Amino acid sequence: MGANCNIVCVHCGAEATDLYRNYGKNVIKLCECDNCGKFVDHYIEYDSVLIYIDLLLQYTAAYRHVFVNRVYLVKSLWRIVCLFSICEAYRKWAVRMESANKSVLDGFIDLEWKFYECIVESLSEIAAFGFSTLGFSLIFDLKTKLSLRSVFWISCCGYYGKAFVLLAVIWNLHHTWEYVFLIEAFLILSHYQIQNILFSDSPKLNALMVLLSWITSYLAGSYCHIVFDYTNQNYKSWFDYIRAL
């Protein structure tokens, strides 16, 4: 590993110089932390599925591995964030189609347009959370060695719990308040864990920042929803008027 990378011990958060040392062909030894004596990052030997399970269990070590020691993958994080937004957009779309008693026979174009609206709404929520996190971190003067770009995308990755929406739709749970409560609670906890590994010196401010950013995200999504409803109503009125001429 290069010494210019941001590397920390996944157990105690202390800075480290390397994750492992290569002593020759097929001879690799994990580095130990000078502070706690444990391996700096044992997750480099783990399968991705096991790492994801530890993320779901909210292990801080797994968060440090993914979002600090592997931050060089930040170039591909935007694709992951887009995937999370599509998952949430599908949930919103499914709920609205059920409440409106829509079917494919009502018009494929209208159904497709509604889905695009849900995608924009979901992206707005995620972007609002990321930018709010950046803004509040600057206001609170929170220190991190990562770039603002990395902080933004890593903060947005706290929405990885949105991937559960596919299972929720299959089991017909996506419209129940229990599902919404559990998912939102999981997302808030995930966001808090991420902010703690980004700004490890201020856990109380991190909790406040997550709460304020979550409120901002909710308001952004609600605003988009209101704008789309207003636009669709006016469009339908004009369309009916022109058709009546």
C-alpha atoms as a PDB file:
ATOM      1  CA  MET A   1       0.000   0.000   0.000  1.00  0.00           C
ATOM      2  CA  GLY A   2       1.139   3.515  -0.731  1.00  0.00           C
ATOM      3  CA  ALA A   3       2.013   5.706   2.192  1.00  0.00           C
ATOM      4  CA  ASN A   4       0.032   8.574   0.728  1.00  0.00           C
ATOM      5  CA  CYS A   5      -3.273   6.778   1.266  1.00  0.00           C
ATOM      6  CA  ASN A   6      -5.525   7.571   4.231  1.00  0.00           C
ATOM      7  CA  ILE A   7      -5.185   4.384   6.268  1.00  0.00           C
ATOM      8  CA  VAL A   8      -6.522   3.820   9.774  1.00  0.00           C
ATOM      9  CA  CYS A   9      -6.839   0.869  12.093  1.00  0.00           C
ATOM     10  CA  VAL A  10     -10.358  -0.460  11.747  1.00  0.00           C
ATOM     11  CA  HIS A  11     -10.457  -1.311  15.469  1.00  0.00           C
ATOM     12  CA  CYS A  12      -9.252   1.861  17.211  1.00  0.00           C
ATOM     13  CA  GLY A  13      -9.153   4.412  14.382  1.00  0.00           C
ATOM     14  CA  ALA A  14      -5.451   5.218  14.843  1.00  0.00           C
ATOM     15  CA  GLU A  15      -3.490   6.182  11.744  1.00  0.00           C
ATOM     16  CA  ALA A  16      -1.375   3.524  10.040  1.00  0.00           C
ATOM     17  CA  THR A  17       1.134   3.499   7.221  1.00  0.00           C
ATOM     18  CA  ASP A  18       0.268   0.200   5.515  1.00  0.00           C
ATOM     19  CA  LEU A  19      -2.355  -2.522   5.530  1.00  0.00           C
ATOM     20  CA  TYR A  20       0.047  -5.313   4.642  1.00  0.00           C
ATOM     21  CA  ARG A  21       3.622  -5.983   3.611  1.00  0.00           C
ATOM     22  CA  ASN A  22       4.713  -8.087   0.676  1.00  0.00           C
ATOM     23  CA  TYR A  23       7.766 -10.192   1.487  1.00  0.00           C
ATOM     24  CA  GLY A  24       7.935 -11.929  -1.847  1.00  0.00           C
ATOM     25  CA  LYS A  25       5.909 -14.066  -4.186  1.00  0.00           C
ATOM     26  CA  ASN A  26       2.738 -15.256  -2.434  1.00  0.00           C
ATOM     27  CA  VAL A  27       4.102 -14.090   0.937  1.00  0.00           C
ATOM     28  CA  ILE A  28       1.944 -11.326   2.423  1.00  0.00           C
ATOM     29  CA  LYS A  29       1.685 -10.378   6.095  1.00  0.00           C
ATOM     30  CA  LEU A  30      -0.961  -8.133   7.598  1.00  0.00           C
ATOM     31  CA  CYS A  31       0.381  -5.115   9.473  1.00  0.00           C
ATOM     32  CA  GLU A  32      -0.378  -4.649  13.156  1.00  0.00           C
ATOM     33  CA  CYS A  33      -1.571  -1.406  14.691  1.00  0.00           C
ATOM     34  CA  ASP A  34       0.993   0.371  16.871  1.00  0.00           C
ATOM     35  CA  ASN A  35      -1.793   1.616  19.132  1.00  0.00           C
ATOM     36  CA  CYS A  36      -3.949  -1.451  19.873  1.00  0.00           C
ATOM     37  CA  GLY A  37      -1.747  -4.284  18.603  1.00  0.00           C
ATOM     38  CA  LYS A  38      -4.456  -5.792  16.382  1.00  0.00           C
ATOM     39  CA  PHE A  39      -4.313  -6.162  12.618  1.00  0.00           C
ATOM     40  CA  VAL A  40      -4.799  -2.785  10.964  1.00  0.00           C
ATOM     41  CA  ASP A  41      -7.447  -4.102   8.575  1.00  0.00           C
ATOM     42  CA  HIS A  42      -8.268  -7.800   8.615  1.00  0.00           C
ATOM     43  CA  TYR A  43     -11.134  -7.208   6.188  1.00  0.00           C
ATOM     44  CA  ILE A  44      -8.767  -7.184   3.215  1.00  0.00           C
ATOM     45  CA  GLU A  45      -8.813 -10.987   3.493  1.00  0.00           C
ATOM     46  CA  TYR A  46     -12.606 -11.177   3.745  1.00  0.00           C
ATOM     47  CA  ASP A  47     -15.099 -11.904   1.008  1.00  0.00           C
ATOM     48  CA  SER A  48     -17.317  -8.988  -0.001  1.00  0.00           C
ATOM     49  CA  VAL A  49     -20.437 -10.760   1.268  1.00  0.00           C
ATOM     50  CA  LEU A  50     -18.995 -11.067   4.785  1.00  0.00           C
ATOM     51  CA  ILE A  51     -18.033  -7.398   4.761  1.00  0.00           C
ATOM     52  CA  TYR A  52     -21.553  -6.407   3.739  1.00  0.00           C
ATOM     53  CA  ILE A  53     -23.009  -8.536   6.543  1.00  0.00           C
ATOM     54  CA  ASP A  54     -20.821  -6.700   9.060  1.00  0.00           C
ATOM     55  CA  LEU A  55     -22.035  -3.408   7.597  1.00  0.00           C
ATOM     56  CA  LEU A  56     -25.615  -4.508   8.176  1.00  0.00           C
ATOM     57  CA  LEU A  57     -24.671  -5.376  11.756  1.00  0.00           C
ATOM     58  CA  GLN A  58     -23.317  -1.809  12.116  1.00  0.00           C
ATOM     59  CA  TYR A  59     -19.756  -2.844  12.964  1.00  0.00           C
ATOM     60  CA  THR A  60     -17.593   0.274  13.059  1.00  0.00           C
ATOM     61  CA  ALA A  61     -14.597  -1.725  11.818  1.00  0.00           C
ATOM     62  CA  ALA A  62     -16.457  -2.620   8.625  1.00  0.00           C
ATOM     63  CA  TYR A  63     -17.351   1.031   8.054  1.00  0.00           C
ATOM     64  CA  ARG A  64     -13.723   2.089   8.467  1.00  0.00           C
ATOM     65  CA  HIS A  65     -12.609  -0.587   6.019  1.00  0.00           C
ATOM     66  CA  VAL A  66     -15.100   0.359   3.306  1.00  0.00           C
ATOM     67  CA  PHE A  67     -15.262   4.132   3.660  1.00  0.00           C
ATOM     68  CA  VAL A  68     -11.724   5.020   4.803  1.00  0.00           C
ATOM     69  CA  ASN A  69      -9.200   2.367   3.851  1.00  0.00           C
ATOM     70  CA  ARG A  70     -10.885   1.766   0.508  1.00  0.00           C
ATOM     71  CA  VAL A  71     -11.743   5.385  -0.225  1.00  0.00           C
ATOM     72  CA  TYR A  72      -9.717   5.143  -3.428  1.00  0.00           C
ATOM     73  CA  LEU A  73     -12.826   3.495  -4.869  1.00  0.00           C
ATOM     74  CA  VAL A  74     -14.632   6.845  -4.601  1.00  0.00           C
ATOM     75  CA  LYS A  75     -14.642   7.150  -8.403  1.00  0.00           C
ATOM     76  CA  SER A  76     -17.253   4.389  -8.579  1.00  0.00           C
ATOM     77  CA  LEU A  77     -19.352   5.420  -5.578  1.00  0.00           C
ATOM     78  CA  TRP A  78     -21.654   7.577  -7.719  1.00  0.00           C
ATOM     79  CA  ARG A  79     -22.820   4.460  -9.553  1.00  0.00           C
ATOM     80  CA  ILE A  80     -23.701   2.817  -6.256  1.00  0.00           C
ATOM     81  CA  VAL A  81     -25.580   5.924  -5.112  1.00  0.00           C
ATOM     82  CA  CYS A  82     -27.565   5.938  -8.369  1.00  0.00           C
ATOM     83  CA  LEU A  83     -28.492   2.295  -7.753  1.00  0.00           C
ATOM     84  CA  PHE A  84     -29.776   3.143  -4.265  1.00  0.00           C
ATOM     85  CA  SER A  85     -31.855   6.007  -5.682  1.00  0.00           C
ATOM     86  CA  ILE A  86     -33.413   3.718  -8.307  1.00  0.00           C
ATOM     87  CA  CYS A  87     -34.369   1.214  -5.594  1.00  0.00           C
ATOM     88  CA  GLU A  88     -36.077   3.924  -3.550  1.00  0.00           C
ATOM     89  CA  ALA A  89     -37.704   5.364  -6.678  1.00  0.00           C
ATOM     90  CA  TYR A  90     -39.221   1.975  -7.430  1.00  0.00           C
ATOM     91  CA  ARG A  91     -40.708   1.820  -3.923  1.00  0.00           C
ATOM     92  CA  LYS A  92     -42.196   5.308  -4.257  1.00  0.00           C
ATOM     93  CA  TRP A  93     -43.564   4.449  -7.688  1.00  0.00           C
ATOM     94  CA  ALA A  94     -45.126   1.181  -6.492  1.00  0.00           C
ATOM     95  CA  VAL A  95     -46.827   2.908  -3.547  1.00  0.00           C
ATOM     96  CA  ARG A  96     -48.227   5.704  -5.719  1.00  0.00           C
ATOM     97  CA  MET A  97     -49.499   3.327  -8.367  1.00  0.00           C
ATOM     98  CA  GLU A  98     -51.294   1.273  -5.709  1.00  0.00           C
ATOM     99  CA  SER A  99     -52.857   4.335  -4.090  1.00  0.00           C
ATOM    100  CA  ALA A 100     -53.980   5.645  -7.489  1.00  0.00           C
ATOM    101  CA  ASN A 101     -55.217   2.198  -8.616  1.00  0.00           C
ATOM    102  CA  LYS A 102     -53.099   2.472 -11.745  1.00  0.00           C
ATOM    103  CA  SER A 103     -52.426  -0.369 -14.133  1.00  0.00           C
ATOM    104  CA  VAL A 104     -50.583  -0.842 -17.385  1.00  0.00           C
ATOM    105  CA  LEU A 105     -53.903  -0.363 -19.196  1.00  0.00           C
ATOM    106  CA  ASP A 106     -54.071   3.222 -17.915  1.00  0.00           C
ATOM    107  CA  GLY A 107     -51.220   4.215 -20.192  1.00  0.00           C
ATOM    108  CA  PHE A 108     -47.647   3.082 -20.328  1.00  0.00           C
ATOM    109  CA  ILE A 109     -46.341   6.607 -20.926  1.00  0.00           C
ATOM    110  CA  ASP A 110     -48.008   7.934 -17.772  1.00  0.00           C
ATOM    111  CA  LEU A 111     -46.617   5.065 -15.693  1.00  0.00           C
ATOM    112  CA  GLU A 112     -43.123   5.568 -17.093  1.00  0.00           C
ATOM    113  CA  TRP A 113     -43.253   9.316 -16.486  1.00  0.00           C
ATOM    114  CA  LYS A 114     -44.274   8.753 -12.875  1.00  0.00           C
ATOM    115  CA  PHE A 115     -41.263   6.500 -12.406  1.00  0.00           C
ATOM    116  CA  TYR A 116     -38.942   9.193 -13.760  1.00  0.00           C
ATOM    117  CA  GLU A 117     -40.472  11.645 -11.310  1.00  0.00           C
ATOM    118  CA  CYS A 118     -39.758   9.234  -8.465  1.00  0.00           C
ATOM    119  CA  ILE A 119     -36.136   8.908  -9.616  1.00  0.00           C
ATOM    120  CA  VAL A 120     -35.689  12.690  -9.577  1.00  0.00           C
ATOM    121  CA  GLU A 121     -37.301  12.857  -6.139  1.00  0.00           C
ATOM    122  CA  SER A 122     -35.019  10.135  -4.760  1.00  0.00           C
ATOM    123  CA  LEU A 123     -31.902  11.726  -6.251  1.00  0.00           C
ATOM    124  CA  SER A 124     -32.945  15.068  -4.764  1.00  0.00           C
ATOM    125  CA  GLU A 125     -33.264  13.521  -1.314  1.00  0.00           C
ATOM    126  CA  ILE A 126     -29.849  11.865  -1.489  1.00  0.00           C
ATOM    127  CA  ALA A 127     -28.152  14.943  -2.946  1.00  0.00           C
ATOM    128  CA  ALA A 128     -29.766  17.180  -0.327  1.00  0.00           C
ATOM    129  CA  PHE A 129     -28.447  14.933   2.424  1.00  0.00           C
ATOM    130  CA  GLY A 130     -24.924  14.905   0.970  1.00  0.00           C
ATOM    131  CA  PHE A 131     -24.739  18.658   0.477  1.00  0.00           C
ATOM    132  CA  SER A 132     -26.286  19.295   3.896  1.00  0.00           C
ATOM    133  CA  THR A 133     -23.634  17.088   5.462  1.00  0.00           C
ATOM    134  CA  LEU A 134     -20.919  19.094   3.729  1.00  0.00           C
ATOM    135  CA  GLY A 135     -22.485  22.383   4.778  1.00  0.00           C
ATOM    136  CA  PHE A 136     -22.978  21.451   8.417  1.00  0.00           C
ATOM    137  CA  SER A 137     -19.479  19.969   8.649  1.00  0.00           C
ATOM    138  CA  LEU A 138     -18.084  23.319   7.503  1.00  0.00           C
ATOM    139  CA  ILE A 139     -20.370  25.260   9.848  1.00  0.00           C
ATOM    140  CA  PHE A 140     -19.419  23.074  12.819  1.00  0.00           C
ATOM    141  CA  ASP A 141     -15.758  23.157  11.706  1.00  0.00           C
ATOM    142  CA  LEU A 142     -15.420  19.374  11.743  1.00  0.00           C
ATOM    143  CA  LYS A 143     -12.004  18.114  10.672  1.00  0.00           C
ATOM    144  CA  THR A 144     -11.294  15.227   8.308  1.00  0.00           C
ATOM    145  CA  LYS A 145      -8.388  14.282   6.069  1.00  0.00           C
ATOM    146  CA  LEU A 146     -10.686  13.285   3.238  1.00  0.00           C
ATOM    147  CA  SER A 147     -11.574  15.636   0.402  1.00  0.00           C
ATOM    148  CA  LEU A 148     -14.978  17.330   0.235  1.00  0.00           C
ATOM    149  CA  ARG A 149     -15.812  15.216  -2.802  1.00  0.00           C
ATOM    150  CA  SER A 150     -15.078  12.034  -0.870  1.00  0.00           C
ATOM    151  CA  VAL A 151     -17.107  13.225   2.126  1.00  0.00           C
ATOM    152  CA  PHE A 152     -20.083  13.956  -0.135  1.00  0.00           C
ATOM    153  CA  TRP A 153     -20.156  10.577  -1.872  1.00  0.00           C
ATOM    154  CA  ILE A 154     -19.388   8.605   1.274  1.00  0.00           C
ATOM    155  CA  SER A 155     -22.205  10.402   3.104  1.00  0.00           C
ATOM    156  CA  CYS A 156     -24.583   9.531   0.269  1.00  0.00           C
ATOM    157  CA  CYS A 157     -23.566   5.871   0.547  1.00  0.00           C
ATOM    158  CA  GLY A 158     -25.280   5.792   3.929  1.00  0.00           C
ATOM    159  CA  TYR A 159     -28.419   5.087   1.901  1.00  0.00           C
ATOM    160  CA  TYR A 160     -27.265   1.546   1.156  1.00  0.00           C
ATOM    161  CA  GLY A 161     -30.197   0.273   3.214  1.00  0.00           C
ATOM    162  CA  LYS A 162     -32.442   1.297   0.320  1.00  0.00           C
ATOM    163  CA  ALA A 163     -31.389  -1.935  -1.379  1.00  0.00           C
ATOM    164  CA  PHE A 164     -33.827  -3.723   0.960  1.00  0.00           C
ATOM    165  CA  VAL A 165     -36.709  -2.167  -0.964  1.00  0.00           C
ATOM    166  CA  LEU A 166     -36.587  -4.953  -3.543  1.00  0.00           C
ATOM    167  CA  LEU A 167     -37.271  -7.564  -0.872  1.00  0.00           C
ATOM    168  CA  ALA A 168     -39.936  -5.347   0.668  1.00  0.00           C
ATOM    169  CA  VAL A 169     -41.793  -5.086  -2.646  1.00  0.00           C
ATOM    170  CA  ILE A 170     -41.595  -8.854  -3.172  1.00  0.00           C
ATOM    171  CA  TRP A 171     -43.045  -9.468   0.303  1.00  0.00           C
ATOM    172  CA  ASN A 172     -45.566  -6.622  -0.109  1.00  0.00           C
ATOM    173  CA  LEU A 173     -44.198  -4.668   2.855  1.00  0.00           C
ATOM    174  CA  HIS A 174     -43.172  -1.467   1.066  1.00  0.00           C
ATOM    175  CA  HIS A 175     -46.375   0.413   1.950  1.00  0.00           C
ATOM    176  CA  THR A 176     -46.544  -0.512   5.654  1.00  0.00           C
ATOM    177  CA  TRP A 177     -45.539   1.943   8.360  1.00  0.00           C
ATOM    178  CA  GLU A 178     -43.463  -0.754  10.105  1.00  0.00           C
ATOM    179  CA  TYR A 179     -41.253  -1.087   7.028  1.00  0.00           C
ATOM    180  CA  VAL A 180     -40.880   2.673   6.665  1.00  0.00           C
ATOM    181  CA  PHE A 181     -39.989   3.082  10.352  1.00  0.00           C
ATOM    182  CA  LEU A 182     -37.431   0.257  10.385  1.00  0.00           C
ATOM    183  CA  ILE A 183     -35.757   1.371   7.168  1.00  0.00           C
ATOM    184  CA  GLU A 184     -35.566   5.014   8.236  1.00  0.00           C
ATOM    185  CA  ALA A 185     -34.164   4.008  11.635  1.00  0.00           C
ATOM    186  CA  PHE A 186     -31.579   1.791   9.930  1.00  0.00           C
ATOM    187  CA  LEU A 187     -30.613   4.591   7.528  1.00  0.00           C
ATOM    188  CA  ILE A 188     -30.214   7.142  10.321  1.00  0.00           C
ATOM    189  CA  LEU A 189     -28.013   4.724  12.269  1.00  0.00           C
ATOM    190  CA  SER A 190     -25.953   4.006   9.134  1.00  0.00           C
ATOM    191  CA  HIS A 191     -25.510   7.719   8.471  1.00  0.00           C
ATOM    192  CA  TYR A 192     -24.430   8.242  12.069  1.00  0.00           C
ATOM    193  CA  GLN A 193     -21.839   5.471  11.801  1.00  0.00           C
ATOM    194  CA  ILE A 194     -20.447   6.974   8.610  1.00  0.00           C
ATOM    195  CA  GLN A 195     -20.190  10.452  10.099  1.00  0.00           C
ATOM    196  CA  ASN A 196     -18.428   8.992  13.133  1.00  0.00           C
ATOM    197  CA  ILE A 197     -15.714   7.466  10.974  1.00  0.00           C
ATOM    198  CA  LEU A 198     -15.426  10.652   8.909  1.00  0.00           C
ATOM    199  CA  PHE A 199     -15.410  13.011  11.904  1.00  0.00           C
ATOM    200  CA  SER A 200     -14.357  10.816  14.810  1.00  0.00           C
ATOM    201  CA  ASP A 201     -13.753  13.646  17.306  1.00  0.00           C
ATOM    202  CA  SER A 202     -17.332  14.911  17.556  1.00  0.00           C
ATOM    203  CA  PRO A 203     -19.969  12.159  18.050  1.00  0.00           C
ATOM    204  CA  LYS A 204     -22.580  14.547  19.494  1.00  0.00           C
ATOM    205  CA  LEU A 205     -22.218  17.001  16.624  1.00  0.00           C
ATOM    206  CA  ASN A 206     -22.375  14.068  14.222  1.00  0.00           C
ATOM    207  CA  ALA A 207     -25.746  13.046  15.653  1.00  0.00           C
ATOM    208  CA  LEU A 208     -27.038  16.608  15.280  1.00  0.00           C
ATOM    209  CA  MET A 209     -25.654  16.852  11.747  1.00  0.00           C
ATOM    210  CA  VAL A 210     -27.326  13.595  10.692  1.00  0.00           C
ATOM    211  CA  LEU A 211     -30.650  14.736  12.132  1.00  0.00           C
ATOM    212  CA  LEU A 212     -30.525  18.124  10.399  1.00  0.00           C
ATOM    213  CA  SER A 213     -29.396  16.586   7.110  1.00  0.00           C
ATOM    214  CA  TRP A 214     -32.162  13.992   7.293  1.00  0.00           C
ATOM    215  CA  ILE A 215     -34.754  16.749   7.803  1.00  0.00           C
ATOM    216  CA  THR A 216     -33.311  18.671   4.849  1.00  0.00           C
ATOM    217  CA  SER A 217     -33.464  15.543   2.715  1.00  0.00           C
ATOM    218  CA  TYR A 218     -37.094  14.950   3.664  1.00  0.00           C
ATOM    219  CA  LEU A 219     -38.025  18.540   2.820  1.00  0.00           C
ATOM    220  CA  ALA A 220     -36.263  18.302  -0.549  1.00  0.00           C
ATOM    221  CA  GLY A 221     -38.181  15.148  -1.456  1.00  0.00           C
ATOM    222  CA  SER A 222     -41.484  16.648  -0.301  1.00  0.00           C
ATOM    223  CA  TYR A 223     -40.854  19.788  -2.353  1.00  0.00           C
ATOM    224  CA  CYS A 224     -40.196  17.735  -5.498  1.00  0.00           C
ATOM    225  CA  HIS A 225     -43.348  15.726  -4.872  1.00  0.00           C
ATOM    226  CA  ILE A 226     -45.453  18.888  -4.526  1.00  0.00           C
ATOM    227  CA  VAL A 227     -43.947  20.436  -7.665  1.00  0.00           C
ATOM    228  CA  PHE A 228     -44.586  17.301  -9.724  1.00  0.00           C
ATOM    229  CA  ASP A 229     -48.188  17.024  -8.497  1.00  0.00           C
ATOM    230  CA  TYR A 230     -48.851  20.682  -9.301  1.00  0.00           C
ATOM    231  CA  THR A 231     -47.268  20.363 -12.747  1.00  0.00           C
ATOM    232  CA  ASN A 232     -49.208  17.207 -13.570  1.00  0.00           C
ATOM    233  CA  GLN A 233     -52.511  18.772 -12.536  1.00  0.00           C
ATOM    234  CA  ASN A 234     -51.919  21.830 -14.707  1.00  0.00           C
ATOM    235  CA  TYR A 235     -50.770  19.667 -17.602  1.00  0.00           C
ATOM    236  CA  LYS A 236     -53.890  17.528 -17.353  1.00  0.00           C
ATOM    237  CA  SER A 237     -56.127  20.617 -17.211  1.00  0.00           C
ATOM    238  CA  TRP A 238     -54.520  22.126 -20.297  1.00  0.00           C
ATOM    239  CA  PHE A 239     -54.682  18.793 -22.117  1.00  0.00           C
ATOM    240  CA  ASP A 240     -58.397  18.392 -21.353  1.00  0.00           C
ATOM    241  CA  TYR A 241     -59.052  21.987 -22.441  1.00  0.00           C
ATOM    242  CA  ILE A 242     -57.245  21.553 -25.760  1.00  0.00           C
ATOM    243  CA  ARG A 243     -58.976  18.233 -26.407  1.00  0.00           C
ATOM    244  CA  ALA A 244     -62.367  19.871 -25.785  1.00  0.00           C
ATOM    245  CA  LEU A 245     -61.764  22.539 -28.453  1.00  0.00           C
END
